[in-house]
Amino acid sequence: MEWLFYAGRYQEPQQAVAAAAAAMLMDGTRRRTQQQIADFVEYYGATLQADAYADYASLTLYALPRYVGELVPLMTELITEAIYPEQELEVYRQQKRQRLMVELQRVEFLAQRAFQQRLFGEQHPLGYVTDFSDLDKLTSEGLQQFHRQVYAFGPFYIVLAGSVDDRHVTLLEQAISGLGKVCPDKSKVMQVATQPAKVHLAKEDAVQVALRVGRRMVNRLHPDYNKLVVLNTILGGYFGSRLMQSLREEHGYCYGVHSSLVSFRHDAYLCISTEVGKEVASAAIAEIYRQVQRLRTELVETDELLLVKNYLMGALLADTDGALNTADVYRNLILFGQKEEDFHERVRQIREIQAEELLQLAQAYLDPEQMVEVAAGM
């Protein structure tokens, strides 16, 4: 059972609030302490977790069907009565500070942070990485206010998967009566123009260099998105991709390289990521651009395109294998305001796309002159 709230980065009034609100959702209510909540969930052999993302936050329950009646009231209690105790907030701050200190020593973290800052700007929901000053600004009162707006009174969805019957639906309808639908979704949509950039971050003690190359893209609501998924897969989206064959198998520059097309409700980006030795960093960057340029100047061969189509169709089949996987598909459709027909349209476009279309897409979306390039550890 997954409860979905518009309570992510796009809705937070200040940086780091959404992540803290989700992480501390089960740290105490007006009726129970953190330990009492944990003991209650454990008694029924269940798992209850809260997570925050860019577009939304979720409260997810895994439990035996016969215990849903006992556990749903706890979930509604968390949604309506979470208090974010000051003592637990300080524990959260300390844990995040320690984690951040460790992350700042990793070139992968430094590269990804600089990459997203360059793409979106440091004030954008997708552009910032939580800093020590953000943690210092968190307050119990501020978290409670955010919680009331987006959890207790904000719109939400519930996705049920598994051994579900009418009794569970009736129980939920009774439990959520009066919740939500008071405050509309207040996502902060920021229009920013990305300037191409090349950023090299020095780190003398680094063993490797973390590379990030990419640009802002169109999201899954755009007519070109499904076809861009195919293009991205050919470039670096699976183990047999061109980047993997070139950088790993042919040149031995890295253990792995990946290209991701990341979509949000209001934005998207393409990111090619890998870690390489310092002595081959420049050569690896040049090879990445060479593979990008191939897609912009040469037609993809029939055999390669068929292989990628089959791979993607297999991935889509896996996405709908079983109730829990299918629920994830529906969750994404819900969050993007899409319907089942949009999923079937994605399947159709992947099956029918031709090499000529991929060439046009690459020329339109993979211009190296529009890329942001980050190398951390040089």
Protein backbone atom coordinates (compact mmCIF):
# COMPACT_ATOMS: atom_id res chain seq x y z
CA MET A 1 0.00 0.00 0.00
CA GLU A 2 1.63 3.22 -1.17
CA TRP A 3 0.33 6.67 -0.25
CA LEU A 4 1.59 9.34 -2.64
CA PHE A 5 1.75 13.01 -1.67
CA TYR A 6 2.90 16.09 -3.54
CA ALA A 7 5.49 16.61 -0.82
CA GLY A 8 8.81 16.57 -2.64
CA ARG A 9 11.44 19.14 -3.50
CA TYR A 10 9.14 21.01 -5.86
CA GLN A 11 6.74 21.76 -3.00
CA GLU A 12 9.11 22.59 -0.14
CA PRO A 13 9.32 26.18 1.16
CA GLN A 14 13.05 25.90 1.81
CA GLN A 15 15.83 23.51 0.88
CA ALA A 16 16.07 20.14 2.67
CA VAL A 17 12.59 20.34 4.20
CA ALA A 18 10.96 17.63 2.06
CA ALA A 19 13.65 15.04 2.80
CA ALA A 20 13.59 15.81 6.53
CA ALA A 21 9.79 15.68 6.71
CA ALA A 22 9.71 12.23 5.12
CA ALA A 23 12.68 10.87 7.08
CA MET A 24 11.12 11.98 10.38
CA LEU A 25 7.52 11.11 9.59
CA MET A 26 7.64 8.10 11.93
CA ASP A 27 9.64 9.80 14.70
CA GLY A 28 6.61 10.51 16.84
CA THR A 29 2.97 11.60 16.90
CA ARG A 30 0.76 13.21 19.53
CA ARG A 31 -0.11 9.70 20.74
CA ARG A 32 3.04 7.62 20.25
CA THR A 33 6.79 7.91 20.49
CA GLN A 34 9.19 6.80 17.80
CA GLN A 35 9.85 3.55 19.68
CA GLN A 36 6.17 2.80 20.14
CA ILE A 37 5.57 3.26 16.42
CA ALA A 38 8.46 0.95 15.55
CA ASP A 39 7.30 -1.69 18.04
CA PHE A 40 3.73 -1.57 16.72
CA VAL A 41 4.83 -2.10 13.11
CA GLU A 42 7.22 -4.89 14.10
CA TYR A 43 4.53 -6.65 16.14
CA TYR A 44 2.50 -7.19 12.96
CA GLY A 45 5.55 -8.26 10.94
CA ALA A 46 5.11 -5.30 8.63
CA THR A 47 7.43 -2.79 6.99
CA LEU A 48 6.56 0.89 6.91
CA GLN A 49 8.79 3.45 5.23
CA ALA A 50 8.62 7.05 4.07
CA ASP A 51 10.66 8.56 1.23
CA ALA A 52 10.85 11.94 -0.49
CA TYR A 53 11.78 12.60 -4.10
CA ALA A 54 11.77 15.61 -6.38
CA ASP A 55 8.11 15.41 -7.40
CA TYR A 56 6.48 13.59 -4.51
CA ALA A 57 6.82 11.76 -1.21
CA SER A 58 5.51 8.33 -0.32
CA LEU A 59 4.46 6.36 2.73
CA THR A 60 4.64 2.67 1.87
CA LEU A 61 3.33 -0.33 3.81
CA TYR A 62 4.21 -3.98 3.22
CA ALA A 63 2.01 -6.23 5.34
CA LEU A 64 -0.09 -9.38 5.42
CA PRO A 65 -3.65 -8.67 4.21
CA ARG A 66 -5.23 -9.70 7.53
CA TYR A 67 -3.38 -6.94 9.42
CA VAL A 68 -4.29 -4.02 7.17
CA GLY A 69 -7.16 -3.06 9.48
CA GLU A 70 -4.73 -2.61 12.39
CA LEU A 71 -2.03 -0.76 10.43
CA VAL A 72 -4.04 1.73 8.35
CA PRO A 73 -5.07 3.73 11.45
CA LEU A 74 -1.39 4.14 12.27
CA MET A 75 -0.75 5.48 8.78
CA THR A 76 -3.54 8.03 9.07
CA GLU A 77 -2.17 8.98 12.50
CA LEU A 78 1.23 9.67 10.96
CA ILE A 79 -0.35 11.73 8.21
CA THR A 80 -2.43 13.86 10.58
CA GLU A 81 -0.49 13.93 13.86
CA ALA A 82 3.27 13.77 13.20
CA ILE A 83 5.02 16.19 15.58
CA TYR A 84 8.71 16.18 14.53
CA PRO A 85 10.23 16.29 18.04
CA GLU A 86 13.18 18.63 18.48
CA GLN A 87 15.30 15.86 20.01
CA GLU A 88 14.78 13.61 17.01
CA LEU A 89 15.43 16.53 14.66
CA GLU A 90 18.85 17.05 16.22
CA VAL A 91 19.61 13.36 15.75
CA TYR A 92 18.59 13.68 12.10
CA ARG A 93 20.83 16.75 11.67
CA GLN A 94 23.82 14.97 13.13
CA GLN A 95 23.34 11.91 10.96
CA LYS A 96 22.97 14.02 7.81
CA ARG A 97 26.04 16.11 8.71
CA GLN A 98 28.16 13.02 9.15
CA ARG A 99 26.89 11.52 5.92
CA LEU A 100 27.53 14.76 4.05
CA MET A 101 31.11 14.93 5.36
CA VAL A 102 31.71 11.45 3.96
CA GLU A 103 30.01 12.24 0.64
CA LEU A 104 32.12 15.36 0.14
CA GLN A 105 35.19 13.14 -0.07
CA ARG A 106 33.75 11.17 -2.99
CA VAL A 107 34.40 12.44 -6.50
CA GLU A 108 31.14 10.85 -7.70
CA PHE A 109 29.17 13.05 -5.30
CA LEU A 110 31.13 16.18 -6.21
CA ALA A 111 30.62 15.56 -9.92
CA GLN A 112 26.89 14.94 -9.68
CA ARG A 113 26.38 17.98 -7.45
CA ALA A 114 28.26 20.28 -9.83
CA PHE A 115 26.49 18.77 -12.84
CA GLN A 116 22.99 19.41 -11.50
CA GLN A 117 23.93 22.87 -10.27
CA ARG A 118 25.13 23.79 -13.74
CA LEU A 119 22.04 22.33 -15.37
CA PHE A 120 19.40 23.90 -13.16
CA GLY A 121 20.99 26.49 -10.88
CA GLU A 122 21.59 26.23 -7.14
CA GLN A 123 18.12 27.51 -6.21
CA HIS A 124 16.22 25.05 -8.41
CA PRO A 125 14.62 21.99 -6.75
CA LEU A 126 16.75 19.75 -8.97
CA GLY A 127 19.86 21.91 -8.76
CA TYR A 128 20.76 21.97 -5.11
CA VAL A 129 22.44 19.43 -2.89
CA THR A 130 21.67 19.66 0.82
CA ASP A 131 24.42 21.58 2.59
CA PHE A 132 25.30 22.08 6.25
CA SER A 133 23.56 25.48 6.28
CA ASP A 134 20.33 23.88 5.01
CA LEU A 135 20.36 21.46 7.95
CA ASP A 136 20.93 24.30 10.43
CA LYS A 137 17.82 26.08 9.16
CA LEU A 138 15.49 23.14 9.80
CA THR A 139 13.06 23.63 12.69
CA SER A 140 10.42 21.46 14.28
CA GLU A 141 7.81 24.16 13.72
CA GLY A 142 8.75 24.51 10.05
CA LEU A 143 8.50 20.77 9.48
CA GLN A 144 5.11 20.62 11.19
CA GLN A 145 3.81 23.43 9.01
CA PHE A 146 5.06 21.74 5.83
CA HIS A 147 3.54 18.47 7.00
CA ARG A 148 0.13 20.02 7.54
CA GLN A 149 0.12 21.61 4.10
CA VAL A 150 1.26 18.65 1.99
CA TYR A 151 0.45 15.54 4.03
CA ALA A 152 -2.57 16.31 6.21
CA PHE A 153 -4.35 18.74 3.88
CA GLY A 154 -2.73 18.18 0.50
CA PRO A 155 -4.00 16.00 -2.33
CA PHE A 156 -2.84 12.39 -2.34
CA TYR A 157 -3.27 9.04 -4.08
CA ILE A 158 -3.24 5.48 -2.75
CA VAL A 159 -1.99 2.53 -4.78
CA LEU A 160 -2.89 -0.97 -3.53
CA ALA A 161 -1.20 -4.07 -4.88
CA GLY A 162 -1.19 -7.75 -3.97
CA SER A 163 -3.95 -9.67 -2.21
CA VAL A 164 -6.47 -6.81 -2.29
CA ASP A 165 -10.23 -7.18 -1.88
CA ASP A 166 -13.26 -4.93 -1.41
CA ARG A 167 -12.84 -5.01 2.37
CA HIS A 168 -9.49 -3.26 2.10
CA VAL A 169 -10.92 -0.63 -0.21
CA THR A 170 -13.86 0.03 2.13
CA LEU A 171 -11.53 0.23 5.12
CA LEU A 172 -9.35 2.78 3.32
CA GLU A 173 -12.30 4.88 2.22
CA GLN A 174 -13.42 5.14 5.83
CA ALA A 175 -9.90 5.91 7.09
CA ILE A 176 -9.22 8.74 4.63
CA SER A 177 -12.58 10.43 4.96
CA GLY A 178 -11.85 14.11 5.59
CA LEU A 179 -8.18 13.91 4.62
CA GLY A 180 -6.59 15.87 1.80
CA LYS A 181 -8.20 17.85 -1.03
CA VAL A 182 -8.03 21.11 0.93
CA CYS A 183 -4.79 22.59 -0.42
CA PRO A 184 -4.01 22.22 -4.13
CA ASP A 185 -0.65 21.06 -5.43
CA LYS A 186 1.72 24.05 -5.12
CA SER A 187 4.71 22.88 -7.10
CA LYS A 188 7.36 25.52 -7.73
CA VAL A 189 7.99 25.45 -11.47
CA MET A 190 11.15 27.42 -12.26
CA GLN A 191 12.13 28.25 -15.82
CA VAL A 192 15.91 28.39 -16.12
CA ALA A 193 18.16 28.48 -19.16
CA THR A 194 21.12 26.12 -19.10
CA GLN A 195 24.44 27.49 -20.27
CA PRO A 196 26.87 24.94 -21.73
CA ALA A 197 29.87 24.60 -19.44
CA LYS A 198 33.00 22.57 -18.80
CA VAL A 199 33.82 22.23 -15.12
CA HIS A 200 36.98 20.56 -13.81
CA LEU A 201 37.16 20.09 -10.04
CA ALA A 202 40.58 19.35 -8.58
CA LYS A 203 41.01 16.81 -5.77
CA GLU A 204 44.62 15.85 -5.18
CA ASP A 205 43.98 12.68 -3.16
CA ALA A 206 41.44 11.30 -5.65
CA VAL A 207 42.25 7.94 -7.20
CA GLN A 208 39.75 8.33 -10.03
CA VAL A 209 38.00 11.07 -11.96
CA ALA A 210 34.19 11.15 -11.96
CA LEU A 211 32.73 12.29 -15.28
CA ARG A 212 29.26 13.68 -15.92
CA VAL A 213 28.20 14.81 -19.40
CA GLY A 214 24.68 15.77 -20.41
CA ARG A 215 22.00 18.39 -20.84
CA ARG A 216 18.41 19.35 -20.04
CA MET A 217 15.88 17.28 -21.96
CA VAL A 218 12.14 16.93 -22.54
CA ASN A 219 10.20 14.85 -20.00
CA ARG A 220 7.94 11.85 -20.53
CA LEU A 221 4.95 14.04 -21.43
CA HIS A 222 6.70 15.26 -24.60
CA PRO A 223 5.94 13.51 -27.91
CA ASP A 224 9.65 12.76 -28.46
CA TYR A 225 10.32 11.19 -25.07
CA ASN A 226 9.56 7.54 -25.86
CA LYS A 227 11.78 7.67 -28.94
CA LEU A 228 14.54 9.36 -26.95
CA VAL A 229 14.44 6.38 -24.58
CA VAL A 230 15.47 4.19 -27.52
CA LEU A 231 18.22 6.62 -28.51
CA ASN A 232 19.55 6.83 -24.97
CA THR A 233 19.55 3.03 -24.63
CA ILE A 234 21.69 2.70 -27.74
CA LEU A 235 24.09 5.33 -26.44
CA GLY A 236 24.54 4.09 -22.88
CA GLY A 237 21.33 2.73 -21.40
CA TYR A 238 22.19 -0.96 -21.09
CA PHE A 239 25.19 -3.27 -20.78
CA GLY A 240 25.55 -3.73 -24.53
CA SER A 241 25.41 -0.01 -25.29
CA ARG A 242 27.90 1.84 -27.47
CA LEU A 243 29.50 3.66 -24.55
CA MET A 244 29.95 0.42 -22.62
CA GLN A 245 31.43 -1.38 -25.63
CA SER A 246 33.79 1.50 -26.36
CA LEU A 247 34.95 2.80 -22.97
CA ARG A 248 34.95 -0.53 -21.12
CA GLU A 249 35.45 -3.32 -23.64
CA GLU A 250 37.55 -1.65 -26.32
CA HIS A 251 39.63 0.89 -24.39
CA GLY A 252 39.47 -0.36 -20.81
CA TYR A 253 38.95 3.16 -19.46
CA CYS A 254 36.37 2.17 -16.84
CA TYR A 255 34.52 -0.66 -15.19
CA GLY A 256 31.15 0.73 -16.23
CA VAL A 257 29.53 3.69 -17.94
CA HIS A 258 25.86 4.57 -18.11
CA SER A 259 23.61 7.07 -19.84
CA SER A 260 20.36 7.96 -18.06
CA LEU A 261 17.31 9.83 -19.29
CA VAL A 262 15.80 11.14 -16.06
CA SER A 263 12.25 12.51 -16.20
CA PHE A 264 10.35 14.60 -13.66
CA ARG A 265 6.90 16.16 -13.81
CA HIS A 266 8.27 19.57 -14.79
CA ASP A 267 11.72 18.84 -16.21
CA ALA A 268 14.18 16.19 -17.36
CA TYR A 269 17.84 15.67 -18.13
CA LEU A 270 20.27 13.33 -19.85
CA CYS A 271 23.36 12.29 -17.89
CA ILE A 272 26.29 10.17 -19.03
CA SER A 273 28.22 9.04 -15.96
CA THR A 274 31.39 7.06 -15.32
CA GLU A 275 34.53 6.97 -13.19
CA VAL A 276 37.94 6.60 -14.87
CA GLY A 277 41.63 6.80 -14.01
CA LYS A 278 43.17 10.27 -14.01
CA GLU A 279 45.57 9.39 -16.79
CA VAL A 280 42.75 8.50 -19.21
CA ALA A 281 40.15 11.11 -18.21
CA SER A 282 40.70 13.36 -21.23
CA ALA A 283 40.65 10.40 -23.61
CA ALA A 284 37.44 9.07 -22.03
CA ILE A 285 35.71 12.44 -22.44
CA ALA A 286 36.77 12.57 -26.08
CA GLU A 287 35.43 9.05 -26.64
CA ILE A 288 32.07 9.97 -25.09
CA TYR A 289 31.70 12.83 -27.56
CA ARG A 290 32.81 10.59 -30.41
CA GLN A 291 30.02 8.13 -29.67
CA VAL A 292 27.52 10.99 -29.41
CA GLN A 293 28.69 12.33 -32.76
CA ARG A 294 28.29 8.90 -34.39
CA LEU A 295 24.59 8.95 -33.49
CA ARG A 296 24.29 12.41 -35.06
CA THR A 297 25.95 11.46 -38.35
CA GLU A 298 25.37 7.73 -38.96
CA LEU A 299 22.22 5.64 -39.22
CA VAL A 300 21.88 2.95 -36.56
CA GLU A 301 22.22 -0.44 -38.20
CA THR A 302 19.17 -2.70 -38.41
CA ASP A 303 20.58 -5.46 -36.20
CA GLU A 304 21.59 -3.08 -33.44
CA LEU A 305 18.22 -1.32 -33.47
CA LEU A 306 16.36 -4.65 -33.34
CA LEU A 307 18.49 -5.76 -30.39
CA VAL A 308 17.72 -2.58 -28.46
CA LYS A 309 14.02 -2.80 -29.26
CA ASN A 310 13.92 -6.37 -27.96
CA TYR A 311 15.81 -5.34 -24.83
CA LEU A 312 13.37 -2.50 -24.11
CA MET A 313 10.34 -4.69 -24.77
CA GLY A 314 11.74 -7.22 -22.31
CA ALA A 315 12.22 -4.46 -19.74
CA LEU A 316 8.62 -3.33 -20.20
CA LEU A 317 7.42 -6.91 -19.74
CA ALA A 318 9.43 -7.13 -16.52
CA ASP A 319 7.88 -3.85 -15.37
CA THR A 320 4.44 -5.46 -15.56
CA ASP A 321 5.40 -8.85 -14.13
CA GLY A 322 3.47 -9.24 -10.89
CA ALA A 323 1.25 -6.98 -8.84
CA LEU A 324 3.99 -4.93 -7.17
CA ASN A 325 5.81 -4.13 -10.42
CA THR A 326 2.54 -3.26 -12.14
CA ALA A 327 1.69 -0.94 -9.24
CA ASP A 328 4.93 0.95 -9.89
CA VAL A 329 3.86 1.46 -13.51
CA TYR A 330 0.49 2.83 -12.41
CA ARG A 331 2.15 5.06 -9.82
CA ASN A 332 4.23 6.76 -12.50
CA LEU A 333 1.21 7.13 -14.77
CA ILE A 334 -0.73 8.74 -11.92
CA LEU A 335 2.06 11.15 -10.97
CA PHE A 336 2.41 12.35 -14.56
CA GLY A 337 -1.34 12.57 -15.15
CA GLN A 338 -1.23 9.82 -17.76
CA LYS A 339 -3.49 6.86 -18.57
CA GLU A 340 -3.04 3.23 -19.56
CA GLU A 341 -3.24 4.28 -23.19
CA ASP A 342 -0.01 6.25 -22.76
CA PHE A 343 1.79 3.09 -21.66
CA HIS A 344 0.54 1.23 -24.72
CA GLU A 345 1.57 4.16 -26.91
CA ARG A 346 5.09 3.89 -25.49
CA VAL A 347 5.19 0.24 -26.48
CA ARG A 348 4.00 1.07 -29.98
CA GLN A 349 6.55 3.83 -30.53
CA ILE A 350 9.42 1.65 -29.34
CA ARG A 351 8.37 -1.14 -31.69
CA GLU A 352 7.93 1.09 -34.71
CA ILE A 353 10.76 3.63 -34.49
CA GLN A 354 13.14 3.67 -37.46
CA ALA A 355 16.83 4.54 -37.80
CA GLU A 356 16.03 7.75 -39.70
CA GLU A 357 13.98 9.05 -36.76
CA LEU A 358 16.82 8.30 -34.35
CA LEU A 359 19.25 10.25 -36.53
CA GLN A 360 16.94 13.27 -36.51
CA LEU A 361 16.48 13.04 -32.75
CA ALA A 362 20.23 12.83 -32.17
CA GLN A 363 20.80 15.90 -34.33
CA ALA A 364 18.14 17.81 -32.41
CA TYR A 365 18.92 16.74 -28.84
CA LEU A 366 22.53 15.56 -28.69
CA ASP A 367 24.44 18.63 -29.80
CA PRO A 368 27.81 18.58 -27.94
CA GLU A 369 27.82 22.36 -27.98
CA GLN A 370 24.78 22.28 -25.66
CA MET A 371 26.29 19.84 -23.17
CA VAL A 372 27.39 20.42 -19.61
CA GLU A 373 30.61 18.56 -18.81
CA VAL A 374 31.94 17.96 -15.29
CA ALA A 375 35.12 16.16 -14.27
CA ALA A 376 35.77 15.84 -10.54
CA GLY A 377 39.14 14.65 -9.29
CA MET A 378 41.34 15.98 -12.10
